[in-house]
Amino acid sequence: MAFDRFDRAFAERMKRNYPAGTKIELDRMDDPYRDMPKGLKGIVDFVDDAGQIHCIWENGSSLALIPGEDEFHRIAEPEAVYGEEQETEIEQEL
């Protein structure tokens, strides 16, 4: 699947689909300078204006994923920001 890496709508879609805190697992990344094995887990830090997904990886790397070049999948939704969930529970009790 080909992606236009400079398409603003594409970058915005990536930002919505991969918010900070999203947990992902790497399926394939060809990087000759860094060992990024299949199954490596990471947490999305942010998505830049080119749609690249910057992650904090469990091996200490901070390499960005390039949609259409690298292969990966989401393994969990981002956790709620502390306090949001509790406020909702309190409102429901009232």
PDB file of N, CA and C in Angstrom:
ATOM      1  N   MET A   1       0.850  -1.174   0.000  1.00  0.00           N
ATOM      2  CA  MET A   1       0.000   0.000   0.000  1.00  0.00           C
ATOM      3  C   MET A   1       0.894   1.235   0.000  1.00  0.00           C
ATOM      4  N   ALA A   2       0.679   2.109  -0.940  1.00  0.00           N
ATOM      5  CA  ALA A   2       1.497   3.320  -1.048  1.00  0.00           C
ATOM      6  C   ALA A   2       0.835   4.471  -0.301  1.00  0.00           C
ATOM      7  N   PHE A   3       1.635   5.236   0.425  1.00  0.00           N
ATOM      8  CA  PHE A   3       1.141   6.386   1.163  1.00  0.00           C
ATOM      9  C   PHE A   3       1.848   7.635   0.662  1.00  0.00           C
ATOM     10  N   ASP A   4       1.127   8.734   0.584  1.00  0.00           N
ATOM     11  CA  ASP A   4       1.746  10.016   0.273  1.00  0.00           C
ATOM     12  C   ASP A   4       2.206  10.602   1.599  1.00  0.00           C
ATOM     13  N   ARG A   5       3.489  10.517   1.873  1.00  0.00           N
ATOM     14  CA  ARG A   5       4.021  10.940   3.168  1.00  0.00           C
ATOM     15  C   ARG A   5       3.900  12.436   3.396  1.00  0.00           C
ATOM     16  N   PHE A   6       3.583  13.214   2.353  1.00  0.00           N
ATOM     17  CA  PHE A   6       3.500  14.661   2.504  1.00  0.00           C
ATOM     18  C   PHE A   6       2.066  15.158   2.424  1.00  0.00           C
ATOM     19  N   ASP A   7       1.129  14.256   2.514  1.00  0.00           N
ATOM     20  CA  ASP A   7      -0.291  14.589   2.463  1.00  0.00           C
ATOM     21  C   ASP A   7      -0.747  14.968   3.874  1.00  0.00           C
ATOM     22  N   ARG A   8      -1.211  16.202   4.032  1.00  0.00           N
ATOM     23  CA  ARG A   8      -1.635  16.697   5.348  1.00  0.00           C
ATOM     24  C   ARG A   8      -2.769  15.848   5.926  1.00  0.00           C
ATOM     25  N   ALA A   9      -3.721  15.443   5.092  1.00  0.00           N
ATOM     26  CA  ALA A   9      -4.841  14.623   5.564  1.00  0.00           C
ATOM     27  C   ALA A   9      -4.341  13.273   6.085  1.00  0.00           C
ATOM     28  N   PHE A  10      -3.333  12.715   5.405  1.00  0.00           N
ATOM     29  CA  PHE A  10      -2.754  11.446   5.846  1.00  0.00           C
ATOM     30  C   PHE A  10      -2.119  11.614   7.225  1.00  0.00           C
ATOM     31  N   ALA A  11      -1.352  12.679   7.411  1.00  0.00           N
ATOM     32  CA  ALA A  11      -0.699  12.924   8.702  1.00  0.00           C
ATOM     33  C   ALA A  11      -1.734  13.108   9.803  1.00  0.00           C
ATOM     34  N   GLU A  12      -2.797  13.822   9.523  1.00  0.00           N
ATOM     35  CA  GLU A  12      -3.853  14.019  10.527  1.00  0.00           C
ATOM     36  C   GLU A  12      -4.534  12.692  10.866  1.00  0.00           C
ATOM     37  N   ARG A  13      -4.738  11.844   9.878  1.00  0.00           N
ATOM     38  CA  ARG A  13      -5.345  10.530  10.110  1.00  0.00           C
ATOM     39  C   ARG A  13      -4.440   9.674  11.001  1.00  0.00           C
ATOM     40  N   MET A  14      -3.132   9.727  10.750  1.00  0.00           N
ATOM     41  CA  MET A  14      -2.183   8.978  11.580  1.00  0.00           C
ATOM     42  C   MET A  14      -2.214   9.494  13.017  1.00  0.00           C
ATOM     43  N   LYS A  15      -2.320  10.813  13.189  1.00  0.00           N
ATOM     44  CA  LYS A  15      -2.378  11.395  14.534  1.00  0.00           C
ATOM     45  C   LYS A  15      -3.625  10.931  15.280  1.00  0.00           C
ATOM     46  N   ARG A  16      -4.753  10.838  14.570  1.00  0.00           N
ATOM     47  CA  ARG A  16      -5.991  10.356  15.214  1.00  0.00           C
ATOM     48  C   ARG A  16      -5.915   8.867  15.530  1.00  0.00           C
ATOM     49  N   ASN A  17      -5.343   8.087  14.615  1.00  0.00           N
ATOM     50  CA  ASN A  17      -5.304   6.635  14.779  1.00  0.00           C
ATOM     51  C   ASN A  17      -4.238   6.153  15.761  1.00  0.00           C
ATOM     52  N   TYR A  18      -3.198   6.954  15.968  1.00  0.00           N
ATOM     53  CA  TYR A  18      -2.097   6.556  16.847  1.00  0.00           C
ATOM     54  C   TYR A  18      -1.771   7.668  17.833  1.00  0.00           C
ATOM     55  N   PRO A  19      -2.697   7.951  18.759  1.00  0.00           N
ATOM     56  CA  PRO A  19      -2.420   9.002  19.753  1.00  0.00           C
ATOM     57  C   PRO A  19      -1.307   8.562  20.707  1.00  0.00           C
ATOM     58  N   ALA A  20      -0.709   9.534  21.365  1.00  0.00           N
ATOM     59  CA  ALA A  20       0.334   9.244  22.348  1.00  0.00           C
ATOM     60  C   ALA A  20      -0.185   8.217  23.354  1.00  0.00           C
ATOM     61  N   GLY A  21       0.649   7.237  23.668  1.00  0.00           N
ATOM     62  CA  GLY A  21       0.284   6.208  24.625  1.00  0.00           C
ATOM     63  C   GLY A  21      -0.187   4.916  23.980  1.00  0.00           C
ATOM     64  N   THR A  22      -0.447   4.937  22.658  1.00  0.00           N
ATOM     65  CA  THR A  22      -0.879   3.730  21.964  1.00  0.00           C
ATOM     66  C   THR A  22       0.257   2.707  21.983  1.00  0.00           C
ATOM     67  N   LYS A  23      -0.062   1.484  22.358  1.00  0.00           N
ATOM     68  CA  LYS A  23       0.944   0.423  22.401  1.00  0.00           C
ATOM     69  C   LYS A  23       0.931  -0.304  21.063  1.00  0.00           C
ATOM     70  N   ILE A  24       2.124  -0.525  20.525  1.00  0.00           N
ATOM     71  CA  ILE A  24       2.245  -1.170  19.229  1.00  0.00           C
ATOM     72  C   ILE A  24       3.301  -2.266  19.275  1.00  0.00           C
ATOM     73  N   GLU A  25       3.255  -3.124  18.274  1.00  0.00           N
ATOM     74  CA  GLU A  25       4.242  -4.190  18.135  1.00  0.00           C
ATOM     75  C   GLU A  25       4.776  -4.153  16.717  1.00  0.00           C
ATOM     76  N   LEU A  26       6.071  -4.279  16.589  1.00  0.00           N
ATOM     77  CA  LEU A  26       6.736  -4.217  15.301  1.00  0.00           C
ATOM     78  C   LEU A  26       6.646  -5.567  14.596  1.00  0.00           C
ATOM     79  N   ASP A  27       6.271  -5.526  13.324  1.00  0.00           N
ATOM     80  CA  ASP A  27       6.258  -6.737  12.500  1.00  0.00           C
ATOM     81  C   ASP A  27       7.478  -6.777  11.578  1.00  0.00           C
ATOM     82  N   ARG A  28       7.894  -5.585  11.067  1.00  0.00           N
ATOM     83  CA  ARG A  28       9.078  -5.524  10.210  1.00  0.00           C
ATOM     84  C   ARG A  28       9.566  -4.089  10.091  1.00  0.00           C
ATOM     85  N   MET A  29      10.878  -3.919  10.256  1.00  0.00           N
ATOM     86  CA  MET A  29      11.530  -2.631  10.012  1.00  0.00           C
ATOM     87  C   MET A  29      12.932  -2.932   9.510  1.00  0.00           C
ATOM     88  N   ASP A  30      13.259  -2.427   8.342  1.00  0.00           N
ATOM     89  CA  ASP A  30      14.597  -2.616   7.793  1.00  0.00           C
ATOM     90  C   ASP A  30      15.427  -1.382   8.112  1.00  0.00           C
ATOM     91  N   ASP A  31      16.247  -1.480   9.128  1.00  0.00           N
ATOM     92  CA  ASP A  31      17.137  -0.389   9.499  1.00  0.00           C
ATOM     93  C   ASP A  31      18.530  -0.980   9.653  1.00  0.00           C
ATOM     94  N   PRO A  32      19.457  -0.593   8.762  1.00  0.00           N
ATOM     95  CA  PRO A  32      20.793  -1.198   8.807  1.00  0.00           C
ATOM     96  C   PRO A  32      21.629  -0.778  10.014  1.00  0.00           C
ATOM     97  N   TYR A  33      21.196   0.254  10.738  1.00  0.00           N
ATOM     98  CA  TYR A  33      21.997   0.780  11.843  1.00  0.00           C
ATOM     99  C   TYR A  33      21.486   0.399  13.226  1.00  0.00           C
ATOM    100  N   ARG A  34      20.302  -0.192  13.286  1.00  0.00           N
ATOM    101  CA  ARG A  34      19.698  -0.496  14.586  1.00  0.00           C
ATOM    102  C   ARG A  34      18.989  -1.842  14.515  1.00  0.00           C
ATOM    103  N   ASP A  35      19.140  -2.660  15.538  1.00  0.00           N
ATOM    104  CA  ASP A  35      18.462  -3.956  15.601  1.00  0.00           C
ATOM    105  C   ASP A  35      17.030  -3.731  16.074  1.00  0.00           C
ATOM    106  N   MET A  36      16.090  -3.881  15.157  1.00  0.00           N
ATOM    107  CA  MET A  36      14.674  -3.695  15.458  1.00  0.00           C
ATOM    108  C   MET A  36      13.952  -4.990  15.081  1.00  0.00           C
ATOM    109  N   PRO A  37      13.991  -5.995  15.966  1.00  0.00           N
ATOM    110  CA  PRO A  37      13.439  -7.312  15.630  1.00  0.00           C
ATOM    111  C   PRO A  37      11.907  -7.357  15.638  1.00  0.00           C
ATOM    112  N   LYS A  38      11.391  -8.294  14.886  1.00  0.00           N
ATOM    113  CA  LYS A  38       9.954  -8.555  14.880  1.00  0.00           C
ATOM    114  C   LYS A  38       9.528  -8.870  16.310  1.00  0.00           C
ATOM    115  N   GLY A  39       8.368  -8.328  16.719  1.00  0.00           N
ATOM    116  CA  GLY A  39       7.848  -8.578  18.061  1.00  0.00           C
ATOM    117  C   GLY A  39       8.239  -7.513  19.071  1.00  0.00           C
ATOM    118  N   LEU A  40       9.139  -6.598  18.682  1.00  0.00           N
ATOM    119  CA  LEU A  40       9.545  -5.518  19.577  1.00  0.00           C
ATOM    120  C   LEU A  40       8.338  -4.639  19.888  1.00  0.00           C
ATOM    121  N   LYS A  41       8.170  -4.290  21.148  1.00  0.00           N
ATOM    122  CA  LYS A  41       7.023  -3.484  21.558  1.00  0.00           C
ATOM    123  C   LYS A  41       7.444  -2.052  21.844  1.00  0.00           C
ATOM    124  N   GLY A  42       6.503  -1.142  21.582  1.00  0.00           N
ATOM    125  CA  GLY A  42       6.782   0.265  21.820  1.00  0.00           C
ATOM    126  C   GLY A  42       5.520   1.023  22.172  1.00  0.00           C
ATOM    127  N   ILE A  43       5.706   2.264  22.592  1.00  0.00           N
ATOM    128  CA  ILE A  43       4.599   3.149  22.940  1.00  0.00           C
ATOM    129  C   ILE A  43       4.743   4.412  22.100  1.00  0.00           C
ATOM    130  N   VAL A  44       3.651   4.815  21.455  1.00  0.00           N
ATOM    131  CA  VAL A  44       3.675   6.014  20.625  1.00  0.00           C
ATOM    132  C   VAL A  44       3.936   7.235  21.502  1.00  0.00           C
ATOM    133  N   ASP A  45       4.912   8.027  21.094  1.00  0.00           N
ATOM    134  CA  ASP A  45       5.223   9.285  21.761  1.00  0.00           C
ATOM    135  C   ASP A  45       4.449  10.412  21.066  1.00  0.00           C
ATOM    136  N   PHE A  46       4.555  10.475  19.735  1.00  0.00           N
ATOM    137  CA  PHE A  46       3.812  11.462  18.955  1.00  0.00           C
ATOM    138  C   PHE A  46       3.880  11.098  17.479  1.00  0.00           C
ATOM    139  N   VAL A  47       3.028  11.715  16.680  1.00  0.00           N
ATOM    140  CA  VAL A  47       3.050  11.570  15.230  1.00  0.00           C
ATOM    141  C   VAL A  47       3.405  12.937  14.663  1.00  0.00           C
ATOM    142  N   ASP A  48       4.408  12.977  13.789  1.00  0.00           N
ATOM    143  CA  ASP A  48       4.841  14.263  13.238  1.00  0.00           C
ATOM    144  C   ASP A  48       3.987  14.684  12.043  1.00  0.00           C
ATOM    145  N   ASP A  49       4.289  15.842  11.471  1.00  0.00           N
ATOM    146  CA  ASP A  49       3.495  16.394  10.375  1.00  0.00           C
ATOM    147  C   ASP A  49       3.657  15.637   9.064  1.00  0.00           C
ATOM    148  N   ALA A  50       4.610  14.717   9.005  1.00  0.00           N
ATOM    149  CA  ALA A  50       4.769  13.865   7.824  1.00  0.00           C
ATOM    150  C   ALA A  50       4.043  12.533   8.013  1.00  0.00           C
ATOM    151  N   GLY A  51       3.432  12.327   9.194  1.00  0.00           N
ATOM    152  CA  GLY A  51       2.713  11.083   9.469  1.00  0.00           C
ATOM    153  C   GLY A  51       3.591   9.985  10.023  1.00  0.00           C
ATOM    154  N   GLN A  52       4.859  10.279  10.314  1.00  0.00           N
ATOM    155  CA  GLN A  52       5.731   9.273  10.918  1.00  0.00           C
ATOM    156  C   GLN A  52       5.380   9.121  12.392  1.00  0.00           C
ATOM    157  N   ILE A  53       5.346   7.877  12.847  1.00  0.00           N
ATOM    158  CA  ILE A  53       4.920   7.572  14.208  1.00  0.00           C
ATOM    159  C   ILE A  53       6.160   7.383  15.084  1.00  0.00           C
ATOM    160  N   HIS A  54       6.419   8.355  15.945  1.00  0.00           N
ATOM    161  CA  HIS A  54       7.592   8.309  16.814  1.00  0.00           C
ATOM    162  C   HIS A  54       7.256   7.513  18.074  1.00  0.00           C
ATOM    163  N   CYS A  55       8.091   6.534  18.362  1.00  0.00           N
ATOM    164  CA  CYS A  55       7.820   5.606  19.461  1.00  0.00           C
ATOM    165  C   CYS A  55       8.997   5.533  20.422  1.00  0.00           C
ATOM    166  N   ILE A  56       8.679   5.108  21.607  1.00  0.00           N
ATOM    167  CA  ILE A  56       9.696   4.764  22.597  1.00  0.00           C
ATOM    168  C   ILE A  56       9.661   3.237  22.665  1.00  0.00           C
ATOM    169  N   TRP A  57      10.736   2.612  22.201  1.00  0.00           N
ATOM    170  CA  TRP A  57      10.791   1.160  22.092  1.00  0.00           C
ATOM    171  C   TRP A  57      11.384   0.537  23.342  1.00  0.00           C
ATOM    172  N   GLU A  58      11.011  -0.716  23.595  1.00  0.00           N
ATOM    173  CA  GLU A  58      11.486  -1.410  24.788  1.00  0.00           C
ATOM    174  C   GLU A  58      12.998  -1.678  24.756  1.00  0.00           C
ATOM    175  N   ASN A  59      13.630  -1.545  23.593  1.00  0.00           N
ATOM    176  CA  ASN A  59      15.082  -1.723  23.521  1.00  0.00           C
ATOM    177  C   ASN A  59      15.828  -0.401  23.703  1.00  0.00           C
ATOM    178  N   GLY A  60      15.090   0.681  24.021  1.00  0.00           N
ATOM    179  CA  GLY A  60      15.715   1.975  24.263  1.00  0.00           C
ATOM    180  C   GLY A  60      15.764   2.879  23.045  1.00  0.00           C
ATOM    181  N   SER A  61      15.425   2.351  21.885  1.00  0.00           N
ATOM    182  CA  SER A  61      15.438   3.143  20.664  1.00  0.00           C
ATOM    183  C   SER A  61      14.261   4.112  20.633  1.00  0.00           C
ATOM    184  N   SER A  62      14.417   5.161  19.838  1.00  0.00           N
ATOM    185  CA  SER A  62      13.314   6.102  19.648  1.00  0.00           C
ATOM    186  C   SER A  62      13.059   6.323  18.160  1.00  0.00           C
ATOM    187  N   LEU A  63      13.312   5.285  17.362  1.00  0.00           N
ATOM    188  CA  LEU A  63      13.095   5.387  15.923  1.00  0.00           C
ATOM    189  C   LEU A  63      11.613   5.546  15.601  1.00  0.00           C
ATOM    190  N   ALA A  64      11.346   6.333  14.549  1.00  0.00           N
ATOM    191  CA  ALA A  64       9.967   6.520  14.094  1.00  0.00           C
ATOM    192  C   ALA A  64       9.592   5.426  13.097  1.00  0.00           C
ATOM    193  N   LEU A  65       8.316   5.054  13.125  1.00  0.00           N
ATOM    194  CA  LEU A  65       7.770   4.143  12.125  1.00  0.00           C
ATOM    195  C   LEU A  65       7.353   4.961  10.910  1.00  0.00           C
ATOM    196  N   ILE A  66       7.596   4.426   9.735  1.00  0.00           N
ATOM    197  CA  ILE A  66       7.178   5.077   8.503  1.00  0.00           C
ATOM    198  C   ILE A  66       6.064   4.226   7.902  1.00  0.00           C
ATOM    199  N   PRO A  67       4.800   4.681   8.023  1.00  0.00           N
ATOM    200  CA  PRO A  67       3.684   3.915   7.452  1.00  0.00           C
ATOM    201  C   PRO A  67       3.903   3.679   5.954  1.00  0.00           C
ATOM    202  N   GLY A  68       3.662   2.445   5.526  1.00  0.00           N
ATOM    203  CA  GLY A  68       3.879   2.077   4.135  1.00  0.00           C
ATOM    204  C   GLY A  68       5.256   1.497   3.889  1.00  0.00           C
ATOM    205  N   GLU A  69       6.184   1.764   4.792  1.00  0.00           N
ATOM    206  CA  GLU A  69       7.543   1.236   4.699  1.00  0.00           C
ATOM    207  C   GLU A  69       7.759   0.178   5.783  1.00  0.00           C
ATOM    208  N   ASP A  70       7.426   0.522   7.008  1.00  0.00           N
ATOM    209  CA  ASP A  70       7.541  -0.400   8.134  1.00  0.00           C
ATOM    210  C   ASP A  70       6.197  -1.093   8.349  1.00  0.00           C
ATOM    211  N   GLU A  71       6.252  -2.264   8.966  1.00  0.00           N
ATOM    212  CA  GLU A  71       5.030  -3.009   9.263  1.00  0.00           C
ATOM    213  C   GLU A  71       4.892  -3.136  10.774  1.00  0.00           C
ATOM    214  N   PHE A  72       3.684  -2.874  11.275  1.00  0.00           N
ATOM    215  CA  PHE A  72       3.434  -2.871  12.714  1.00  0.00           C
ATOM    216  C   PHE A  72       1.938  -3.007  12.940  1.00  0.00           C
ATOM    217  N   HIS A  73       1.568  -3.265  14.194  1.00  0.00           N
ATOM    218  CA  HIS A  73       0.151  -3.317  14.542  1.00  0.00           C
ATOM    219  C   HIS A  73      -0.048  -2.823  15.970  1.00  0.00           C
ATOM    220  N   ARG A  74      -1.248  -2.348  16.210  1.00  0.00           N
ATOM    221  CA  ARG A  74      -1.630  -1.854  17.535  1.00  0.00           C
ATOM    222  C   ARG A  74      -1.906  -3.063  18.426  1.00  0.00           C
ATOM    223  N   ILE A  75      -1.437  -2.988  19.683  1.00  0.00           N
ATOM    224  CA  ILE A  75      -1.715  -4.083  20.611  1.00  0.00           C
ATOM    225  C   ILE A  75      -2.609  -3.638  21.761  1.00  0.00           C
ATOM    226  N   ALA A  76      -2.799  -2.336  21.920  1.00  0.00           N
ATOM    227  CA  ALA A  76      -3.688  -1.849  22.982  1.00  0.00           C
ATOM    228  C   ALA A  76      -4.032  -0.391  22.716  1.00  0.00           C
ATOM    229  N   GLU A  77      -5.149   0.047  23.250  1.00  0.00           N
ATOM    230  CA  GLU A  77      -5.550   1.446  23.171  1.00  0.00           C
ATOM    231  C   GLU A  77      -4.776   2.249  24.208  1.00  0.00           C
ATOM    232  N   PRO A  78      -4.609   3.547  23.987  1.00  0.00           N
ATOM    233  CA  PRO A  78      -3.913   4.353  24.999  1.00  0.00           C
ATOM    234  C   PRO A  78      -4.714   4.378  26.295  1.00  0.00           C
ATOM    235  N   GLU A  79      -3.998   4.425  27.399  1.00  0.00           N
ATOM    236  CA  GLU A  79      -4.664   4.476  28.698  1.00  0.00           C
ATOM    237  C   GLU A  79      -5.235   5.865  28.927  1.00  0.00           C
ATOM    238  N   ALA A  80      -6.312   5.931  29.668  1.00  0.00           N
ATOM    239  CA  ALA A  80      -6.941   7.220  29.975  1.00  0.00           C
ATOM    240  C   ALA A  80      -5.993   8.071  30.807  1.00  0.00           C
ATOM    241  N   VAL A  81      -6.049   9.352  30.595  1.00  0.00           N
ATOM    242  CA  VAL A  81      -5.249  10.273  31.390  1.00  0.00           C
ATOM    243  C   VAL A  81      -5.770  10.216  32.813  1.00  0.00           C
ATOM    244  N   TYR A  82      -4.885  10.173  33.793  1.00  0.00           N
ATOM    245  CA  TYR A  82      -5.273  10.055  35.187  1.00  0.00           C
ATOM    246  C   TYR A  82      -6.277  11.138  35.538  1.00  0.00           C
ATOM    247  N   GLY A  83      -7.368  10.742  36.130  1.00  0.00           N
ATOM    248  CA  GLY A  83      -8.384  11.691  36.573  1.00  0.00           C
ATOM    249  C   GLY A  83      -9.614  11.686  35.684  1.00  0.00           C
ATOM    250  N   GLU A  84      -9.454  11.501  34.370  1.00  0.00           N
ATOM    251  CA  GLU A  84     -10.608  11.524  33.472  1.00  0.00           C
ATOM    252  C   GLU A  84     -11.582  10.399  33.799  1.00  0.00           C
ATOM    253  N   GLU A  85     -11.047   9.196  33.968  1.00  0.00           N
ATOM    254  CA  GLU A  85     -11.880   8.042  34.253  1.00  0.00           C
ATOM    255  C   GLU A  85     -12.567   8.194  35.608  1.00  0.00           C
ATOM    256  N   GLN A  86     -11.833   8.671  36.577  1.00  0.00           N
ATOM    257  CA  GLN A  86     -12.382   8.812  37.917  1.00  0.00           C
ATOM    258  C   GLN A  86     -13.489   9.857  37.937  1.00  0.00           C
ATOM    259  N   GLU A  87     -13.336  10.954  37.208  1.00  0.00           N
ATOM    260  CA  GLU A  87     -14.376  11.980  37.154  1.00  0.00           C
ATOM    261  C   GLU A  87     -15.659  11.411  36.560  1.00  0.00           C
ATOM    262  N   THR A  88     -15.515  10.583  35.528  1.00  0.00           N
ATOM    263  CA  THR A  88     -16.684   9.972  34.897  1.00  0.00           C
ATOM    264  C   THR A  88     -17.380   9.043  35.878  1.00  0.00           C
ATOM    265  N   GLU A  89     -16.635   8.256  36.636  1.00  0.00           N
ATOM    266  CA  GLU A  89     -17.229   7.348  37.616  1.00  0.00           C
ATOM    267  C   GLU A  89     -17.969   8.127  38.693  1.00  0.00           C
ATOM    268  N   ILE A  90     -17.393   9.219  39.137  1.00  0.00           N
ATOM    269  CA  ILE A  90     -18.029  10.037  40.161  1.00  0.00           C
ATOM    270  C   ILE A  90     -19.332  10.643  39.630  1.00  0.00           C
ATOM    271  N   GLU A  91     -19.304  11.144  38.391  1.00  0.00           N
ATOM    272  CA  GLU A  91     -20.497  11.735  37.774  1.00  0.00           C
ATOM    273  C   GLU A  91     -21.611  10.689  37.660  1.00  0.00           C
ATOM    274  N   GLN A  92     -21.257   9.442  37.339  1.00  0.00           N
ATOM    275  CA  GLN A  92     -22.244   8.392  37.188  1.00  0.00           C
ATOM    276  C   GLN A  92     -22.891   8.046  38.542  1.00  0.00           C
ATOM    277  N   GLU A  93     -22.131   8.163  39.620  1.00  0.00           N
ATOM    278  CA  GLU A  93     -22.650   7.845  40.935  1.00  0.00           C
ATOM    279  C   GLU A  93     -23.642   8.898  41.420  1.00  0.00           C
ATOM    280  N   LEU A  94     -23.486  10.139  40.943  1.00  0.00           N
ATOM    281  CA  LEU A  94     -24.351  11.226  41.406  1.00  0.00           C
ATOM    282  C   LEU A  94     -25.714  11.142  40.850  1.00  0.00           C
TER     283      LEU A  94
END
